[in-house]
Amino acid sequence: MKLYHVTKPENVDPILKNGLLRCHGDYTSAFISLSERPDSWMQEGLVLLEVDIDGIGCMVKTWNNDPDEICVWGDISPERIKVVK
């Protein structure tokens, strides 16, 4: 299953190197927010990432698509992430 995450351009290289992490720098979160639709959180100036969550082995909570938010309680390795052009 492919899901999507948006981020600032300066975060792309660290994410592709280290993955999506719940704790990085001064930022700590209980989960990573993803979406089913690539346009859900997209704004001008941000970068869209595609994330493969098949067999990820951590709890995934889907809200009622309002907002389109899927919460992953676990870090996501860089092999599962690619930039959408």
N, C-alpha and C. Protein backbone atom coordinates (compact mmCIF):
# COMPACT_ATOMS: atom_id res chain seq x y z
N MET A 1 0.84 -1.18 0.00
CA MET A 1 0.00 0.00 0.00
C MET A 1 0.89 1.25 0.00
N LYS A 2 0.57 2.18 -0.86
CA LYS A 2 1.33 3.43 -0.95
C LYS A 2 0.54 4.54 -0.26
N LEU A 3 1.22 5.28 0.59
CA LEU A 3 0.66 6.46 1.25
C LEU A 3 1.58 7.63 0.98
N TYR A 4 1.19 8.81 1.44
CA TYR A 4 1.93 10.03 1.10
C TYR A 4 2.22 10.86 2.35
N HIS A 5 3.33 11.59 2.25
CA HIS A 5 3.79 12.48 3.32
C HIS A 5 4.35 13.72 2.64
N VAL A 6 4.08 14.90 3.19
CA VAL A 6 4.67 16.12 2.65
C VAL A 6 5.66 16.69 3.65
N THR A 7 6.67 17.38 3.11
CA THR A 7 7.70 17.95 3.96
C THR A 7 8.34 19.14 3.27
N LYS A 8 9.10 19.90 4.03
CA LYS A 8 9.86 21.01 3.47
C LYS A 8 11.03 20.46 2.66
N PRO A 9 11.46 21.19 1.62
CA PRO A 9 12.57 20.71 0.78
C PRO A 9 13.84 20.39 1.57
N GLU A 10 14.14 21.16 2.59
CA GLU A 10 15.37 20.92 3.36
C GLU A 10 15.32 19.63 4.18
N ASN A 11 14.15 19.03 4.33
CA ASN A 11 14.02 17.77 5.07
C ASN A 11 14.20 16.54 4.18
N VAL A 12 14.16 16.72 2.87
CA VAL A 12 14.15 15.58 1.95
C VAL A 12 15.42 14.74 2.08
N ASP A 13 16.60 15.33 1.99
CA ASP A 13 17.84 14.54 2.06
C ASP A 13 17.96 13.77 3.37
N PRO A 14 17.72 14.40 4.55
CA PRO A 14 17.77 13.61 5.79
C PRO A 14 16.74 12.49 5.84
N ILE A 15 15.54 12.71 5.28
CA ILE A 15 14.53 11.67 5.28
C ILE A 15 14.95 10.51 4.38
N LEU A 16 15.50 10.82 3.20
CA LEU A 16 15.94 9.76 2.30
C LEU A 16 17.14 9.00 2.86
N LYS A 17 17.90 9.64 3.73
CA LYS A 17 19.05 8.98 4.36
C LYS A 17 18.64 8.18 5.61
N ASN A 18 17.80 8.78 6.47
CA ASN A 18 17.48 8.20 7.77
C ASN A 18 16.07 7.66 7.90
N GLY A 19 15.19 8.00 6.98
CA GLY A 19 13.80 7.59 7.06
C GLY A 19 12.95 8.65 7.74
N LEU A 20 11.67 8.36 7.87
CA LEU A 20 10.76 9.23 8.62
C LEU A 20 10.83 8.79 10.08
N LEU A 21 11.27 9.69 10.93
CA LEU A 21 11.51 9.38 12.33
C LEU A 21 10.57 10.16 13.22
N ARG A 22 10.06 9.51 14.25
CA ARG A 22 9.17 10.20 15.20
C ARG A 22 9.93 11.19 16.08
N CYS A 23 11.19 10.96 16.28
CA CYS A 23 12.01 11.85 17.10
C CYS A 23 13.24 12.26 16.30
N HIS A 24 13.35 13.57 16.01
CA HIS A 24 14.51 14.07 15.29
C HIS A 24 14.71 15.53 15.64
N GLY A 25 15.95 15.88 15.93
CA GLY A 25 16.25 17.27 16.33
C GLY A 25 15.44 17.66 17.55
N ASP A 26 14.79 18.80 17.48
CA ASP A 26 13.96 19.28 18.59
C ASP A 26 12.53 18.77 18.48
N TYR A 27 12.22 17.97 17.47
CA TYR A 27 10.85 17.54 17.21
C TYR A 27 10.63 16.12 17.69
N THR A 28 9.57 15.90 18.47
CA THR A 28 9.19 14.58 18.95
C THR A 28 7.70 14.39 18.74
N SER A 29 7.32 13.26 18.20
CA SER A 29 5.92 12.95 17.97
C SER A 29 5.67 11.49 18.31
N ALA A 30 4.44 11.15 18.65
CA ALA A 30 4.08 9.77 18.94
C ALA A 30 3.89 8.97 17.66
N PHE A 31 3.64 9.66 16.55
CA PHE A 31 3.37 8.95 15.31
C PHE A 31 3.79 9.80 14.12
N ILE A 32 3.80 9.16 12.95
CA ILE A 32 4.07 9.83 11.68
C ILE A 32 2.75 9.92 10.92
N SER A 33 2.43 11.10 10.43
CA SER A 33 1.18 11.31 9.70
C SER A 33 1.39 11.07 8.21
N LEU A 34 0.53 10.24 7.65
CA LEU A 34 0.53 9.97 6.22
C LEU A 34 -0.89 10.18 5.70
N SER A 35 -1.06 10.17 4.40
CA SER A 35 -2.39 10.31 3.82
C SER A 35 -2.56 9.36 2.65
N GLU A 36 -3.81 9.05 2.33
CA GLU A 36 -4.10 8.17 1.19
C GLU A 36 -4.04 8.93 -0.13
N ARG A 37 -4.37 10.20 -0.09
CA ARG A 37 -4.41 11.00 -1.31
C ARG A 37 -3.17 11.90 -1.38
N PRO A 38 -2.49 11.94 -2.52
CA PRO A 38 -1.28 12.75 -2.63
C PRO A 38 -1.51 14.25 -2.49
N ASP A 39 -2.73 14.71 -2.72
CA ASP A 39 -3.01 16.14 -2.64
C ASP A 39 -3.57 16.59 -1.29
N SER A 40 -3.75 15.67 -0.35
CA SER A 40 -4.40 16.00 0.92
C SER A 40 -3.71 17.11 1.70
N TRP A 41 -2.41 17.04 1.81
CA TRP A 41 -1.66 17.97 2.64
C TRP A 41 -0.70 18.83 1.81
N MET A 42 -0.74 18.65 0.52
CA MET A 42 0.22 19.34 -0.35
C MET A 42 -0.05 20.84 -0.41
N GLN A 43 1.02 21.60 -0.30
CA GLN A 43 0.97 23.05 -0.42
C GLN A 43 2.16 23.48 -1.27
N GLU A 44 2.06 24.64 -1.86
CA GLU A 44 3.16 25.17 -2.67
C GLU A 44 4.43 25.26 -1.83
N GLY A 45 5.52 24.83 -2.41
CA GLY A 45 6.82 24.88 -1.73
C GLY A 45 7.17 23.63 -0.96
N LEU A 46 6.24 22.69 -0.83
CA LEU A 46 6.51 21.44 -0.12
C LEU A 46 6.84 20.34 -1.11
N VAL A 47 7.43 19.25 -0.60
CA VAL A 47 7.81 18.10 -1.42
C VAL A 47 6.92 16.93 -1.02
N LEU A 48 6.43 16.21 -2.03
CA LEU A 48 5.58 15.05 -1.80
C LEU A 48 6.42 13.78 -1.80
N LEU A 49 6.24 12.97 -0.76
CA LEU A 49 6.94 11.70 -0.64
C LEU A 49 5.93 10.57 -0.71
N GLU A 50 6.29 9.50 -1.41
CA GLU A 50 5.47 8.29 -1.45
C GLU A 50 6.09 7.29 -0.48
N VAL A 51 5.25 6.66 0.34
CA VAL A 51 5.73 5.75 1.38
C VAL A 51 5.05 4.39 1.21
N ASP A 52 5.84 3.33 1.11
CA ASP A 52 5.31 1.98 1.01
C ASP A 52 5.17 1.43 2.42
N ILE A 53 3.93 1.16 2.85
CA ILE A 53 3.74 0.66 4.21
C ILE A 53 3.41 -0.83 4.25
N ASP A 54 3.48 -1.53 3.12
CA ASP A 54 3.21 -2.97 3.11
C ASP A 54 4.14 -3.68 4.08
N GLY A 55 3.55 -4.45 4.99
CA GLY A 55 4.32 -5.25 5.93
C GLY A 55 5.13 -4.45 6.92
N ILE A 56 4.74 -3.22 7.19
CA ILE A 56 5.54 -2.33 8.02
C ILE A 56 5.65 -2.82 9.47
N GLY A 57 4.68 -3.59 9.94
CA GLY A 57 4.79 -4.20 11.26
C GLY A 57 4.63 -3.25 12.42
N CYS A 58 3.91 -2.16 12.24
CA CYS A 58 3.60 -1.28 13.36
C CYS A 58 2.14 -0.87 13.23
N MET A 59 1.59 -0.42 14.32
CA MET A 59 0.18 -0.09 14.31
C MET A 59 -0.11 1.11 13.41
N VAL A 60 -1.14 0.96 12.60
CA VAL A 60 -1.58 2.04 11.72
C VAL A 60 -3.02 2.37 12.08
N LYS A 61 -3.29 3.62 12.38
CA LYS A 61 -4.65 4.07 12.73
C LYS A 61 -5.15 4.99 11.64
N THR A 62 -6.31 4.66 11.08
CA THR A 62 -6.93 5.50 10.07
C THR A 62 -8.08 6.26 10.70
N TRP A 63 -8.09 7.56 10.54
CA TRP A 63 -9.21 8.37 11.00
C TRP A 63 -10.29 8.31 9.94
N ASN A 64 -11.38 8.94 10.13
CA ASN A 64 -12.53 8.87 9.23
C ASN A 64 -12.36 9.69 7.96
N ASN A 65 -11.16 9.74 7.43
CA ASN A 65 -10.85 10.50 6.21
C ASN A 65 -11.23 11.97 6.32
N ASP A 66 -11.37 12.47 7.51
CA ASP A 66 -11.67 13.89 7.71
C ASP A 66 -10.91 14.36 8.94
N PRO A 67 -9.66 14.71 8.85
CA PRO A 67 -8.89 14.82 7.61
C PRO A 67 -8.38 13.46 7.16
N ASP A 68 -7.85 13.41 5.97
CA ASP A 68 -7.26 12.20 5.42
C ASP A 68 -5.92 12.00 6.12
N GLU A 69 -5.96 11.36 7.29
CA GLU A 69 -4.74 11.18 8.08
C GLU A 69 -4.66 9.74 8.55
N ILE A 70 -3.52 9.14 8.27
CA ILE A 70 -3.23 7.79 8.73
C ILE A 70 -1.99 7.90 9.61
N CYS A 71 -2.13 7.44 10.84
CA CYS A 71 -1.05 7.59 11.83
C CYS A 71 -0.29 6.27 11.95
N VAL A 72 1.02 6.35 11.81
CA VAL A 72 1.90 5.18 11.92
C VAL A 72 2.71 5.33 13.20
N TRP A 73 2.54 4.40 14.13
CA TRP A 73 3.28 4.43 15.38
C TRP A 73 4.55 3.62 15.21
N GLY A 74 5.53 4.26 14.63
CA GLY A 74 6.81 3.62 14.39
C GLY A 74 7.57 4.41 13.35
N ASP A 75 8.87 4.30 13.38
CA ASP A 75 9.70 4.96 12.37
C ASP A 75 9.56 4.22 11.04
N ILE A 76 9.80 4.92 9.95
CA ILE A 76 9.69 4.34 8.61
C ILE A 76 11.06 4.42 7.95
N SER A 77 11.58 3.27 7.56
CA SER A 77 12.94 3.21 7.01
C SER A 77 13.02 3.89 5.64
N PRO A 78 14.20 4.40 5.28
CA PRO A 78 14.37 5.14 4.04
C PRO A 78 14.11 4.31 2.78
N GLU A 79 14.28 3.00 2.85
CA GLU A 79 14.04 2.15 1.68
C GLU A 79 12.58 2.20 1.22
N ARG A 80 11.69 2.60 2.10
CA ARG A 80 10.26 2.63 1.82
C ARG A 80 9.80 3.97 1.25
N ILE A 81 10.71 4.92 1.09
CA ILE A 81 10.33 6.30 0.76
C ILE A 81 10.95 6.74 -0.56
N LYS A 82 10.15 7.40 -1.37
CA LYS A 82 10.70 8.00 -2.58
C LYS A 82 9.99 9.32 -2.84
N VAL A 83 10.70 10.21 -3.50
CA VAL A 83 10.17 11.53 -3.85
C VAL A 83 9.27 11.38 -5.07
N VAL A 84 8.10 12.00 -5.01
CA VAL A 84 7.19 12.02 -6.16
C VAL A 84 7.53 13.24 -6.98
N LYS A 85 7.84 13.04 -8.25
CA LYS A 85 8.21 14.16 -9.13
C LYS A 85 6.99 14.79 -9.73
